[in-house]
PDB file of N, CA and C in Angstrom:
ATOM      1  N   MET A   1       0.768  -1.105  -0.033  1.00  0.00           N
ATOM      2  CA  MET A   1      -0.242  -0.091   0.022  1.00  0.00           C
ATOM      3  C   MET A   1       0.821   1.289  -0.009  1.00  0.00           C
ATOM      4  N   LYS A   2       0.326   2.211  -0.560  1.00  0.00           N
ATOM      5  CA  LYS A   2       1.169   3.451  -0.793  1.00  0.00           C
ATOM      6  C   LYS A   2       1.297   4.145   0.566  1.00  0.00           C
ATOM      7  N   GLY A   3       2.669   4.778   0.743  1.00  0.00           N
ATOM      8  CA  GLY A   3       2.784   5.340   2.059  1.00  0.00           C
ATOM      9  C   GLY A   3       2.491   6.900   1.699  1.00  0.00           C
ATOM     10  N   TYR A   4       1.368   7.427   2.428  1.00  0.00           N
ATOM     11  CA  TYR A   4       1.021   8.752   2.234  1.00  0.00           C
ATOM     12  C   TYR A   4       1.750   9.647   3.126  1.00  0.00           C
ATOM     13  N   GLN A   5       1.961  10.813   2.918  1.00  0.00           N
ATOM     14  CA  GLN A   5       2.608  11.752   3.536  1.00  0.00           C
ATOM     15  C   GLN A   5       1.828  12.890   3.921  1.00  0.00           C
ATOM     16  N   ASN A   6       0.746  13.368   3.257  1.00  0.00           N
ATOM     17  CA  ASN A   6      -0.085  14.339   3.511  1.00  0.00           C
ATOM     18  C   ASN A   6      -1.574  14.008   3.449  1.00  0.00           C
ATOM     19  N   ILE A   7      -2.272  14.051   4.486  1.00  0.00           N
ATOM     20  CA  ILE A   7      -3.765  13.536   4.406  1.00  0.00           C
ATOM     21  C   ILE A   7      -4.592  14.908   4.677  1.00  0.00           C
ATOM     22  N   PHE A   8      -5.507  14.881   4.042  1.00  0.00           N
ATOM     23  CA  PHE A   8      -6.374  15.906   4.221  1.00  0.00           C
ATOM     24  C   PHE A   8      -7.847  15.234   4.336  1.00  0.00           C
ATOM     25  N   CYS A   9      -8.566  15.990   5.358  1.00  0.00           N
ATOM     26  CA  CYS A   9      -9.869  15.712   5.497  1.00  0.00           C
ATOM     27  C   CYS A   9     -10.544  16.797   6.087  1.00  0.00           C
ATOM     28  N   ALA A  10     -11.351  17.296   4.880  1.00  0.00           N
ATOM     29  CA  ALA A  10     -12.248  18.449   5.240  1.00  0.00           C
ATOM     30  C   ALA A  10     -13.390  18.056   6.311  1.00  0.00           C
ATOM     31  N   THR A  11     -13.806  19.114   6.934  1.00  0.00           N
ATOM     32  CA  THR A  11     -14.941  18.921   7.835  1.00  0.00           C
ATOM     33  C   THR A  11     -16.055  20.005   7.876  1.00  0.00           C
ATOM     34  N   ASP A  12     -17.183  19.510   8.031  1.00  0.00           N
ATOM     35  CA  ASP A  12     -18.186  20.541   8.397  1.00  0.00           C
ATOM     36  C   ASP A  12     -18.767  20.337   9.913  1.00  0.00           C
ATOM     37  N   PHE A  13     -18.117  19.579  10.600  1.00  0.00           N
ATOM     38  CA  PHE A  13     -18.259  19.302  11.944  1.00  0.00           C
ATOM     39  C   PHE A  13     -19.458  18.434  12.295  1.00  0.00           C
ATOM     40  N   SER A  14     -20.021  17.988  11.125  1.00  0.00           N
ATOM     41  CA  SER A  14     -21.194  16.880  11.279  1.00  0.00           C
ATOM     42  C   SER A  14     -20.614  15.615  11.917  1.00  0.00           C
ATOM     43  N   ILE A  15     -21.495  14.802  12.526  1.00  0.00           N
ATOM     44  CA  ILE A  15     -21.169  13.301  12.661  1.00  0.00           C
ATOM     45  C   ILE A  15     -20.486  12.549  11.853  1.00  0.00           C
ATOM     46  N   HIS A  16     -20.744  12.789  10.618  1.00  0.00           N
ATOM     47  CA  HIS A  16     -20.327  11.933   9.490  1.00  0.00           C
ATOM     48  C   HIS A  16     -18.742  12.463   9.188  1.00  0.00           C
ATOM     49  N   CYS A  17     -18.694  13.694   9.367  1.00  0.00           N
ATOM     50  CA  CYS A  17     -17.211  14.213   9.185  1.00  0.00           C
ATOM     51  C   CYS A  17     -16.277  13.896  10.352  1.00  0.00           C
ATOM     52  N   ARG A  18     -16.925  13.844  11.545  1.00  0.00           N
ATOM     53  CA  ARG A  18     -16.053  13.463  12.804  1.00  0.00           C
ATOM     54  C   ARG A  18     -15.605  11.866  12.537  1.00  0.00           C
ATOM     55  N   ALA A  19     -16.545  11.010  12.027  1.00  0.00           N
ATOM     56  CA  ALA A  19     -16.199   9.692  11.685  1.00  0.00           C
ATOM     57  C   ALA A  19     -15.049   9.653  10.666  1.00  0.00           C
ATOM     58  N   ALA A  20     -15.170  10.427   9.779  1.00  0.00           N
ATOM     59  CA  ALA A  20     -14.261  10.344   8.512  1.00  0.00           C
ATOM     60  C   ALA A  20     -12.784  10.974   9.360  1.00  0.00           C
ATOM     61  N   ALA A  21     -12.811  12.007  10.004  1.00  0.00           N
ATOM     62  CA  ALA A  21     -11.739  12.583  10.585  1.00  0.00           C
ATOM     63  C   ALA A  21     -11.047  11.629  11.639  1.00  0.00           C
ATOM     64  N   GLY A  22     -11.788  10.693  12.273  1.00  0.00           N
ATOM     65  CA  GLY A  22     -11.183   9.634  13.135  1.00  0.00           C
ATOM     66  C   GLY A  22     -10.567   8.730  12.409  1.00  0.00           C
ATOM     67  N   CYS A  23     -10.893   8.266  11.040  1.00  0.00           N
ATOM     68  CA  CYS A  23     -10.409   7.564  10.094  1.00  0.00           C
ATOM     69  C   CYS A  23      -9.008   8.109   9.829  1.00  0.00           C
ATOM     70  N   ALA A  24      -9.026   9.257   9.367  1.00  0.00           N
ATOM     71  CA  ALA A  24      -7.902  10.127   8.915  1.00  0.00           C
ATOM     72  C   ALA A  24      -6.781  10.198   9.888  1.00  0.00           C
ATOM     73  N   VAL A  25      -7.086  10.246  11.165  1.00  0.00           N
ATOM     74  CA  VAL A  25      -6.233  10.375  12.250  1.00  0.00           C
ATOM     75  C   VAL A  25      -5.403   8.975  12.340  1.00  0.00           C
ATOM     76  N   GLU A  26      -6.194   8.033  12.114  1.00  0.00           N
ATOM     77  CA  GLU A  26      -5.853   6.597  12.176  1.00  0.00           C
ATOM     78  C   GLU A  26      -4.639   6.145  11.028  1.00  0.00           C
ATOM     79  N   MET A  27      -5.024   6.677   9.876  1.00  0.00           N
ATOM     80  CA  MET A  27      -4.201   6.586   8.796  1.00  0.00           C
ATOM     81  C   MET A  27      -2.952   7.489   8.758  1.00  0.00           C
ATOM     82  N   ALA A  28      -3.123   8.645   9.452  1.00  0.00           N
ATOM     83  CA  ALA A  28      -2.026   9.649   9.661  1.00  0.00           C
ATOM     84  C   ALA A  28      -1.021   9.037  10.591  1.00  0.00           C
ATOM     85  N   TRP A  29      -1.438   8.224  11.708  1.00  0.00           N
ATOM     86  CA  TRP A  29      -0.733   7.708  12.656  1.00  0.00           C
ATOM     87  C   TRP A  29       0.125   6.568  11.877  1.00  0.00           C
ATOM     88  N   GLN A  30      -0.728   5.587  11.119  1.00  0.00           N
ATOM     89  CA  GLN A  30      -0.347   4.249  10.502  1.00  0.00           C
ATOM     90  C   GLN A  30       0.731   4.690   9.546  1.00  0.00           C
ATOM     91  N   TYR A  31       0.794   5.789   8.752  1.00  0.00           N
ATOM     92  CA  TYR A  31       1.694   6.245   7.741  1.00  0.00           C
ATOM     93  C   TYR A  31       2.734   7.057   8.129  1.00  0.00           C
ATOM     94  N   GLY A  32       2.536   7.705   9.460  1.00  0.00           N
ATOM     95  CA  GLY A  32       3.378   8.852   9.887  1.00  0.00           C
ATOM     96  C   GLY A  32       3.225  10.089   9.032  1.00  0.00           C
ATOM     97  N   ALA A  33       1.942  10.137   8.741  1.00  0.00           N
ATOM     98  CA  ALA A  33       1.720  11.318   7.835  1.00  0.00           C
ATOM     99  C   ALA A  33       1.275  12.619   8.342  1.00  0.00           C
ATOM    100  N   GLU A  34       1.415  13.839   7.750  1.00  0.00           N
ATOM    101  CA  GLU A  34       0.818  14.814   8.325  1.00  0.00           C
ATOM    102  C   GLU A  34      -0.667  14.924   7.940  1.00  0.00           C
ATOM    103  N   LEU A  35      -1.549  15.412   8.976  1.00  0.00           N
ATOM    104  CA  LEU A  35      -2.903  15.577   8.739  1.00  0.00           C
ATOM    105  C   LEU A  35      -3.472  17.100   8.771  1.00  0.00           C
ATOM    106  N   THR A  36      -4.152  17.438   7.733  1.00  0.00           N
ATOM    107  CA  THR A  36      -4.833  18.670   7.755  1.00  0.00           C
ATOM    108  C   THR A  36      -6.347  18.520   7.804  1.00  0.00           C
ATOM    109  N   LEU A  37      -6.874  19.282   8.825  1.00  0.00           N
ATOM    110  CA  LEU A  37      -8.144  19.403   9.019  1.00  0.00           C
ATOM    111  C   LEU A  37      -8.731  20.727   8.660  1.00  0.00           C
ATOM    112  N   PRO A  38      -9.125  20.998   7.359  1.00  0.00           N
ATOM    113  CA  PRO A  38      -9.601  22.340   7.023  1.00  0.00           C
ATOM    114  C   PRO A  38     -11.248  22.341   7.166  1.00  0.00           C
ATOM    115  N   HIS A  39     -11.608  23.736   7.051  1.00  0.00           N
ATOM    116  CA  HIS A  39     -13.088  23.820   7.291  1.00  0.00           C
ATOM    117  C   HIS A  39     -13.216  25.104   6.328  1.00  0.00           C
ATOM    118  N   VAL A  40     -14.280  25.179   5.369  1.00  0.00           N
ATOM    119  CA  VAL A  40     -14.255  26.338   4.471  1.00  0.00           C
ATOM    120  C   VAL A  40     -15.840  26.677   4.858  1.00  0.00           C
ATOM    121  N   LEU A  41     -15.722  28.108   5.227  1.00  0.00           N
ATOM    122  CA  LEU A  41     -17.078  28.851   5.459  1.00  0.00           C
ATOM    123  C   LEU A  41     -17.768  28.918   4.256  1.00  0.00           C
ATOM    124  N   GLY A  42     -19.205  28.639   4.257  1.00  0.00           N
ATOM    125  CA  GLY A  42     -19.997  29.122   3.205  1.00  0.00           C
ATOM    126  C   GLY A  42     -19.923  30.453   2.874  1.00  0.00           C
ATOM    127  N   TYR A  43     -20.371  31.062   1.882  1.00  0.00           N
ATOM    128  CA  TYR A  43     -20.471  32.437   1.564  1.00  0.00           C
ATOM    129  C   TYR A  43     -20.793  33.083   2.705  1.00  0.00           C
ATOM    130  N   PHE A  44     -20.048  34.263   3.058  1.00  0.00           N
ATOM    131  CA  PHE A  44     -20.356  34.941   4.155  1.00  0.00           C
ATOM    132  C   PHE A  44     -21.005  36.218   3.984  1.00  0.00           C
ATOM    133  N   GLN A  45     -22.183  36.347   4.403  1.00  0.00           N
ATOM    134  CA  GLN A  45     -22.975  37.622   4.050  1.00  0.00           C
ATOM    135  C   GLN A  45     -22.948  38.386   5.371  1.00  0.00           C
ATOM    136  N   GLY A  46     -22.083  39.507   5.325  1.00  0.00           N
ATOM    137  CA  GLY A  46     -21.890  40.420   6.373  1.00  0.00           C
ATOM    138  C   GLY A  46     -23.100  40.970   7.206  1.00  0.00           C
ATOM    139  N   ASP A  47     -24.201  41.154   6.618  1.00  0.00           N
ATOM    140  CA  ASP A  47     -25.276  41.837   7.019  1.00  0.00           C
ATOM    141  C   ASP A  47     -26.341  40.890   7.501  1.00  0.00           C
ATOM    142  N   ARG A  48     -26.135  39.560   7.632  1.00  0.00           N
ATOM    143  CA  ARG A  48     -27.161  38.692   7.897  1.00  0.00           C
ATOM    144  C   ARG A  48     -27.299  38.660   9.475  1.00  0.00           C
ATOM    145  N   SER A  49     -28.502  38.051   9.852  1.00  0.00           N
ATOM    146  CA  SER A  49     -28.579  37.851  11.305  1.00  0.00           C
ATOM    147  C   SER A  49     -27.777  36.696  11.667  1.00  0.00           C
ATOM    148  N   SER A  50     -27.277  36.681  12.806  1.00  0.00           N
ATOM    149  CA  SER A  50     -26.706  35.525  13.535  1.00  0.00           C
ATOM    150  C   SER A  50     -26.934  35.189  14.805  1.00  0.00           C
ATOM    151  N   VAL A  51     -26.666  34.024  15.071  1.00  0.00           N
ATOM    152  CA  VAL A  51     -26.970  33.641  16.631  1.00  0.00           C
ATOM    153  C   VAL A  51     -25.683  34.064  17.343  1.00  0.00           C
ATOM    154  N   ALA A  52     -24.352  34.063  16.794  1.00  0.00           N
ATOM    155  CA  ALA A  52     -23.398  34.630  17.401  1.00  0.00           C
ATOM    156  C   ALA A  52     -22.884  35.936  16.768  1.00  0.00           C
ATOM    157  N   ILE A  53     -23.311  37.122  17.455  1.00  0.00           N
ATOM    158  CA  ILE A  53     -23.130  38.418  17.100  1.00  0.00           C
ATOM    159  C   ILE A  53     -21.542  38.815  17.412  1.00  0.00           C
ATOM    160  N   ALA A  54     -20.999  39.186  16.432  1.00  0.00           N
ATOM    161  CA  ALA A  54     -19.561  39.896  16.662  1.00  0.00           C
ATOM    162  C   ALA A  54     -19.743  41.106  17.532  1.00  0.00           C
ATOM    163  N   PRO A  55     -18.810  41.274  18.425  1.00  0.00           N
ATOM    164  CA  PRO A  55     -18.719  42.424  19.362  1.00  0.00           C
ATOM    165  C   PRO A  55     -18.803  43.742  18.416  1.00  0.00           C
ATOM    166  N   GLU A  56     -19.119  44.901  19.079  1.00  0.00           N
ATOM    167  CA  GLU A  56     -19.354  46.100  18.204  1.00  0.00           C
ATOM    168  C   GLU A  56     -18.030  46.456  17.923  1.00  0.00           C
ATOM    169  N   GLY A  57     -17.907  46.966  16.606  1.00  0.00           N
ATOM    170  CA  GLY A  57     -16.596  47.359  16.069  1.00  0.00           C
ATOM    171  C   GLY A  57     -15.651  46.060  15.503  1.00  0.00           C
ATOM    172  N   ALA A  58     -16.241  44.939  15.700  1.00  0.00           N
ATOM    173  CA  ALA A  58     -15.322  43.728  15.153  1.00  0.00           C
ATOM    174  C   ALA A  58     -15.848  43.411  13.769  1.00  0.00           C
ATOM    175  N   ASP A  59     -15.021  42.860  13.026  1.00  0.00           N
ATOM    176  CA  ASP A  59     -15.427  42.234  11.714  1.00  0.00           C
ATOM    177  C   ASP A  59     -16.213  41.026  11.920  1.00  0.00           C
ATOM    178  N   PRO A  60     -17.334  40.947  11.621  1.00  0.00           N
ATOM    179  CA  PRO A  60     -18.008  39.672  11.582  1.00  0.00           C
ATOM    180  C   PRO A  60     -17.425  38.526  10.957  1.00  0.00           C
ATOM    181  N   ALA A  61     -16.915  38.579   9.801  1.00  0.00           N
ATOM    182  CA  ALA A  61     -16.309  37.503   9.112  1.00  0.00           C
ATOM    183  C   ALA A  61     -15.124  37.121   9.919  1.00  0.00           C
ATOM    184  N   ALA A  62     -14.308  38.000  10.400  1.00  0.00           N
ATOM    185  CA  ALA A  62     -13.159  37.510  11.410  1.00  0.00           C
ATOM    186  C   ALA A  62     -13.530  36.777  12.630  1.00  0.00           C
ATOM    187  N   CYS A  63     -14.666  37.335  13.305  1.00  0.00           N
ATOM    188  CA  CYS A  63     -15.187  36.719  14.218  1.00  0.00           C
ATOM    189  C   CYS A  63     -15.619  35.250  14.058  1.00  0.00           C
ATOM    190  N   ARG A  64     -16.347  35.199  12.941  1.00  0.00           N
ATOM    191  CA  ARG A  64     -16.901  33.738  12.654  1.00  0.00           C
ATOM    192  C   ARG A  64     -15.621  32.799  12.432  1.00  0.00           C
ATOM    193  N   LYS A  65     -14.475  33.399  11.721  1.00  0.00           N
ATOM    194  CA  LYS A  65     -13.355  32.480  11.465  1.00  0.00           C
ATOM    195  C   LYS A  65     -12.536  32.108  12.695  1.00  0.00           C
ATOM    196  N   GLN A  66     -12.593  33.008  13.472  1.00  0.00           N
ATOM    197  CA  GLN A  66     -12.013  32.752  15.092  1.00  0.00           C
ATOM    198  C   GLN A  66     -12.883  31.715  15.562  1.00  0.00           C
ATOM    199  N   GLN A  67     -14.134  31.748  15.558  1.00  0.00           N
ATOM    200  CA  GLN A  67     -15.044  30.677  16.205  1.00  0.00           C
ATOM    201  C   GLN A  67     -14.772  29.316  15.540  1.00  0.00           C
ATOM    202  N   GLU A  68     -14.483  29.285  14.048  1.00  0.00           N
ATOM    203  CA  GLU A  68     -14.247  27.986  13.541  1.00  0.00           C
ATOM    204  C   GLU A  68     -12.851  27.412  13.670  1.00  0.00           C
ATOM    205  N   TYR A  69     -12.142  28.287  14.032  1.00  0.00           N
ATOM    206  CA  TYR A  69     -10.721  27.650  14.480  1.00  0.00           C
ATOM    207  C   TYR A  69     -10.706  27.098  15.749  1.00  0.00           C
ATOM    208  N   ALA A  70     -11.557  27.724  16.534  1.00  0.00           N
ATOM    209  CA  ALA A  70     -11.828  27.219  17.989  1.00  0.00           C
ATOM    210  C   ALA A  70     -12.463  25.577  17.783  1.00  0.00           C
ATOM    211  N   SER A  71     -13.466  25.590  16.747  1.00  0.00           N
ATOM    212  CA  SER A  71     -14.017  24.270  16.642  1.00  0.00           C
ATOM    213  C   SER A  71     -13.049  23.220  16.251  1.00  0.00           C
ATOM    214  N   LEU A  72     -11.979  23.627  15.067  1.00  0.00           N
ATOM    215  CA  LEU A  72     -11.259  22.881  14.600  1.00  0.00           C
ATOM    216  C   LEU A  72     -10.325  22.314  15.670  1.00  0.00           C
ATOM    217  N   SER A  73      -9.830  23.187  16.572  1.00  0.00           N
ATOM    218  CA  SER A  73      -8.809  22.961  17.593  1.00  0.00           C
ATOM    219  C   SER A  73      -9.577  21.976  18.559  1.00  0.00           C
ATOM    220  N   GLY A  74     -10.856  22.056  18.866  1.00  0.00           N
ATOM    221  CA  GLY A  74     -11.705  21.138  19.497  1.00  0.00           C
ATOM    222  C   GLY A  74     -11.764  19.793  19.130  1.00  0.00           C
ATOM    223  N   LEU A  75     -11.898  19.781  17.674  1.00  0.00           N
ATOM    224  CA  LEU A  75     -12.048  18.543  16.916  1.00  0.00           C
ATOM    225  C   LEU A  75     -10.657  17.839  17.034  1.00  0.00           C
ATOM    226  N   ALA A  76      -9.646  18.509  16.938  1.00  0.00           N
ATOM    227  CA  ALA A  76      -8.321  17.860  16.758  1.00  0.00           C
ATOM    228  C   ALA A  76      -7.931  17.286  18.065  1.00  0.00           C
ATOM    229  N   ARG A  77      -8.287  18.033  19.141  1.00  0.00           N
ATOM    230  CA  ARG A  77      -8.154  17.421  20.716  1.00  0.00           C
ATOM    231  C   ARG A  77      -9.028  16.254  20.776  1.00  0.00           C
ATOM    232  N   HIS A  78     -10.403  16.367  20.436  1.00  0.00           N
ATOM    233  CA  HIS A  78     -11.192  15.134  20.698  1.00  0.00           C
ATOM    234  C   HIS A  78     -10.619  13.880  19.850  1.00  0.00           C
ATOM    235  N   LEU A  79      -9.885  14.141  18.679  1.00  0.00           N
ATOM    236  CA  LEU A  79      -9.316  13.097  18.042  1.00  0.00           C
ATOM    237  C   LEU A  79      -8.078  12.570  18.579  1.00  0.00           C
ATOM    238  N   GLY A  80      -7.434  13.381  19.414  1.00  0.00           N
ATOM    239  CA  GLY A  80      -6.190  13.152  20.047  1.00  0.00           C
ATOM    240  C   GLY A  80      -5.059  13.293  19.173  1.00  0.00           C
ATOM    241  N   ASN A  81      -5.229  14.386  18.217  1.00  0.00           N
ATOM    242  CA  ASN A  81      -4.261  14.728  17.301  1.00  0.00           C
ATOM    243  C   ASN A  81      -3.977  16.259  17.470  1.00  0.00           C
ATOM    244  N   ASP A  82      -3.724  16.926  18.396  1.00  0.00           N
ATOM    245  CA  ASP A  82      -3.201  18.261  18.419  1.00  0.00           C
ATOM    246  C   ASP A  82      -2.532  18.798  17.425  1.00  0.00           C
ATOM    247  N   GLU A  83      -1.678  17.960  16.876  1.00  0.00           N
ATOM    248  CA  GLU A  83      -0.730  18.459  15.892  1.00  0.00           C
ATOM    249  C   GLU A  83      -1.243  18.641  14.425  1.00  0.00           C
ATOM    250  N   ALA A  84      -2.537  18.056  14.203  1.00  0.00           N
ATOM    251  CA  ALA A  84      -3.263  18.253  12.897  1.00  0.00           C
ATOM    252  C   ALA A  84      -3.047  19.674  12.253  1.00  0.00           C
ATOM    253  N   GLY A  85      -2.819  19.849  11.201  1.00  0.00           N
ATOM    254  CA  GLY A  85      -3.059  21.188  10.584  1.00  0.00           C
ATOM    255  C   GLY A  85      -4.445  21.657  10.614  1.00  0.00           C
ATOM    256  N   GLN A  86      -4.631  22.983  10.856  1.00  0.00           N
ATOM    257  CA  GLN A  86      -5.920  23.519  10.919  1.00  0.00           C
ATOM    258  C   GLN A  86      -5.978  24.755  10.102  1.00  0.00           C
ATOM    259  N   GLU A  87      -6.992  24.842   9.238  1.00  0.00           N
ATOM    260  CA  GLU A  87      -7.062  25.811   8.229  1.00  0.00           C
ATOM    261  C   GLU A  87      -8.614  26.204   8.054  1.00  0.00           C
ATOM    262  N   VAL A  88      -8.959  27.511   8.272  1.00  0.00           N
ATOM    263  CA  VAL A  88     -10.297  27.970   7.932  1.00  0.00           C
ATOM    264  C   VAL A  88     -10.134  28.799   6.739  1.00  0.00           C
ATOM    265  N   ARG A  89     -10.976  28.817   5.837  1.00  0.00           N
ATOM    266  CA  ARG A  89     -10.945  29.755   4.578  1.00  0.00           C
ATOM    267  C   ARG A  89     -12.321  30.415   4.412  1.00  0.00           C
ATOM    268  N   VAL A  90     -12.226  31.533   3.993  1.00  0.00           N
ATOM    269  CA  VAL A  90     -13.589  32.225   3.740  1.00  0.00           C
ATOM    270  C   VAL A  90     -13.628  32.297   2.187  1.00  0.00           C
ATOM    271  N   PRO A  91     -14.154  31.530   1.251  1.00  0.00           N
ATOM    272  CA  PRO A  91     -14.022  31.474  -0.147  1.00  0.00           C
ATOM    273  C   PRO A  91     -14.980  32.668  -0.795  1.00  0.00           C
ATOM    274  N   ALA A  92     -14.265  33.116  -1.956  1.00  0.00           N
ATOM    275  CA  ALA A  92     -14.996  33.822  -2.713  1.00  0.00           C
ATOM    276  C   ALA A  92     -16.055  33.241  -3.652  1.00  0.00           C
ATOM    277  N   ARG A  93     -15.770  31.858  -3.944  1.00  0.00           N
ATOM    278  CA  ARG A  93     -16.826  30.891  -4.642  1.00  0.00           C
ATOM    279  C   ARG A  93     -17.270  30.086  -3.503  1.00  0.00           C
ATOM    280  N   SER A  94     -17.850  28.838  -4.039  1.00  0.00           N
ATOM    281  CA  SER A  94     -18.450  27.831  -3.308  1.00  0.00           C
ATOM    282  C   SER A  94     -17.367  27.232  -2.551  1.00  0.00           C
ATOM    283  N   ALA A  95     -17.784  26.621  -1.340  1.00  0.00           N
ATOM    284  CA  ALA A  95     -16.856  25.860  -0.406  1.00  0.00           C
ATOM    285  C   ALA A  95     -16.434  24.652  -1.231  1.00  0.00           C
ATOM    286  N   ARG A  96     -16.982  24.101  -2.081  1.00  0.00           N
ATOM    287  CA  ARG A  96     -16.481  22.944  -2.920  1.00  0.00           C
ATOM    288  C   ARG A  96     -15.384  23.277  -3.596  1.00  0.00           C
ATOM    289  N   HIS A  97     -15.439  24.498  -4.360  1.00  0.00           N
ATOM    290  CA  HIS A  97     -14.406  24.919  -5.154  1.00  0.00           C
ATOM    291  C   HIS A  97     -13.034  25.475  -4.177  1.00  0.00           C
ATOM    292  N   GLU A  98     -13.384  25.869  -3.206  1.00  0.00           N
ATOM    293  CA  GLU A  98     -12.258  26.318  -2.150  1.00  0.00           C
ATOM    294  C   GLU A  98     -11.404  24.933  -1.741  1.00  0.00           C
ATOM    295  N   VAL A  99     -12.232  23.984  -1.584  1.00  0.00           N
ATOM    296  CA  VAL A  99     -11.543  22.800  -1.000  1.00  0.00           C
ATOM    297  C   VAL A  99     -10.669  22.100  -2.030  1.00  0.00           C
ATOM    298  N   VAL A 100     -11.168  22.073  -3.256  1.00  0.00           N
ATOM    299  CA  VAL A 100     -10.371  21.577  -4.497  1.00  0.00           C
ATOM    300  C   VAL A 100      -9.105  22.352  -4.577  1.00  0.00           C
ATOM    301  N   ARG A 101      -9.131  23.861  -4.470  1.00  0.00           N
ATOM    302  CA  ARG A 101      -8.090  24.564  -4.873  1.00  0.00           C
ATOM    303  C   ARG A 101      -7.223  24.546  -3.596  1.00  0.00           C
ATOM    304  N   PHE A 102      -7.563  24.223  -2.399  1.00  0.00           N
ATOM    305  CA  PHE A 102      -6.628  23.948  -1.151  1.00  0.00           C
ATOM    306  C   PHE A 102      -5.837  22.818  -1.413  1.00  0.00           C
ATOM    307  N   THR A 103      -6.379  21.746  -1.726  1.00  0.00           N
ATOM    308  CA  THR A 103      -5.616  20.352  -2.153  1.00  0.00           C
ATOM    309  C   THR A 103      -4.748  20.633  -3.282  1.00  0.00           C
ATOM    310  N   GLU A 104      -4.984  21.425  -4.336  1.00  0.00           N
ATOM    311  CA  GLU A 104      -4.223  21.687  -5.272  1.00  0.00           C
ATOM    312  C   GLU A 104      -3.068  22.550  -4.973  1.00  0.00           C
ATOM    313  N   GLU A 105      -3.120  23.526  -3.930  1.00  0.00           N
ATOM    314  CA  GLU A 105      -1.983  24.287  -3.530  1.00  0.00           C
ATOM    315  C   GLU A 105      -1.187  23.655  -2.553  1.00  0.00           C
ATOM    316  N   GLN A 106      -1.585  22.494  -1.948  1.00  0.00           N
ATOM    317  CA  GLN A 106      -0.610  21.928  -0.803  1.00  0.00           C
ATOM    318  C   GLN A 106      -0.203  20.478  -1.505  1.00  0.00           C
ATOM    319  N   ALA A 107       0.723  20.028  -0.914  1.00  0.00           N
ATOM    320  CA  ALA A 107       1.257  18.569  -1.397  1.00  0.00           C
ATOM    321  C   ALA A 107       0.407  17.506  -0.767  1.00  0.00           C
ATOM    322  N   ILE A 108      -0.946  17.570  -1.093  1.00  0.00           N
ATOM    323  CA  ILE A 108      -1.779  16.587  -0.438  1.00  0.00           C
ATOM    324  C   ILE A 108      -1.938  15.397  -1.352  1.00  0.00           C
ATOM    325  N   ASP A 109      -1.541  14.129  -0.824  1.00  0.00           N
ATOM    326  CA  ASP A 109      -1.628  12.882  -1.523  1.00  0.00           C
ATOM    327  C   ASP A 109      -2.723  11.849  -1.080  1.00  0.00           C
ATOM    328  N   LEU A 110      -3.564  12.208  -0.158  1.00  0.00           N
ATOM    329  CA  LEU A 110      -4.927  11.449   0.163  1.00  0.00           C
ATOM    330  C   LEU A 110      -5.841  12.498   0.676  1.00  0.00           C
ATOM    331  N   LYS A 111      -6.897  12.687   0.141  1.00  0.00           N
ATOM    332  CA  LYS A 111      -7.856  13.544   0.436  1.00  0.00           C
ATOM    333  C   LYS A 111      -9.127  12.873   0.556  1.00  0.00           C
ATOM    334  N   SER A 112      -9.952  13.350   1.453  1.00  0.00           N
ATOM    335  CA  SER A 112     -11.474  12.906   1.753  1.00  0.00           C
ATOM    336  C   SER A 112     -12.144  13.180   0.560  1.00  0.00           C
ATOM    337  N   PRO A 113     -13.243  12.102   0.222  1.00  0.00           N
ATOM    338  CA  PRO A 113     -14.142  12.596  -0.842  1.00  0.00           C
ATOM    339  C   PRO A 113     -14.934  13.766  -0.674  1.00  0.00           C
ATOM    340  N   ILE A 114     -15.061  14.526  -1.981  1.00  0.00           N
ATOM    341  CA  ILE A 114     -15.800  15.718  -1.967  1.00  0.00           C
ATOM    342  C   ILE A 114     -17.194  15.407  -2.582  1.00  0.00           C
ATOM    343  N   GLY A 115     -18.232  15.671  -1.940  1.00  0.00           N
ATOM    344  CA  GLY A 115     -19.540  15.314  -2.532  1.00  0.00           C
ATOM    345  C   GLY A 115     -19.850  16.386  -3.726  1.00  0.00           C
ATOM    346  N   ASP A 116     -20.821  16.146  -4.593  1.00  0.00           N
ATOM    347  CA  ASP A 116     -21.109  16.795  -5.705  1.00  0.00           C
ATOM    348  C   ASP A 116     -22.392  17.657  -5.268  1.00  0.00           C
ATOM    349  N   GLN A 117     -22.124  18.608  -4.360  1.00  0.00           N
ATOM    350  CA  GLN A 117     -23.139  19.539  -3.854  1.00  0.00           C
ATOM    351  C   GLN A 117     -23.188  20.768  -4.770  1.00  0.00           C
TER     352      GLN A 117
END
């Protein structure tokens, strides 16, 4: 079997993605590979209402991005892999396009499947 060096497992924090991330952690451990857990925010509309309101004077997109980094950090801890790379992106296009672009930019040799959404 191929010795992977860079494993990529995008997450939306759903139960299915958590299961896939658990498998990715196991594979990273098995191959001694780097693991990246990215999350791509959907289109961010700055003037929409939100459950999590940014503090006055703060950039709503930056606050949301910070919240997602905290979620990724929590996921990595939950998986027992604090060393996993963590990336949050705010795309100009769809999340799907941004995930593909991210894998093309990095030296990723094993990536989680991307649905046809």
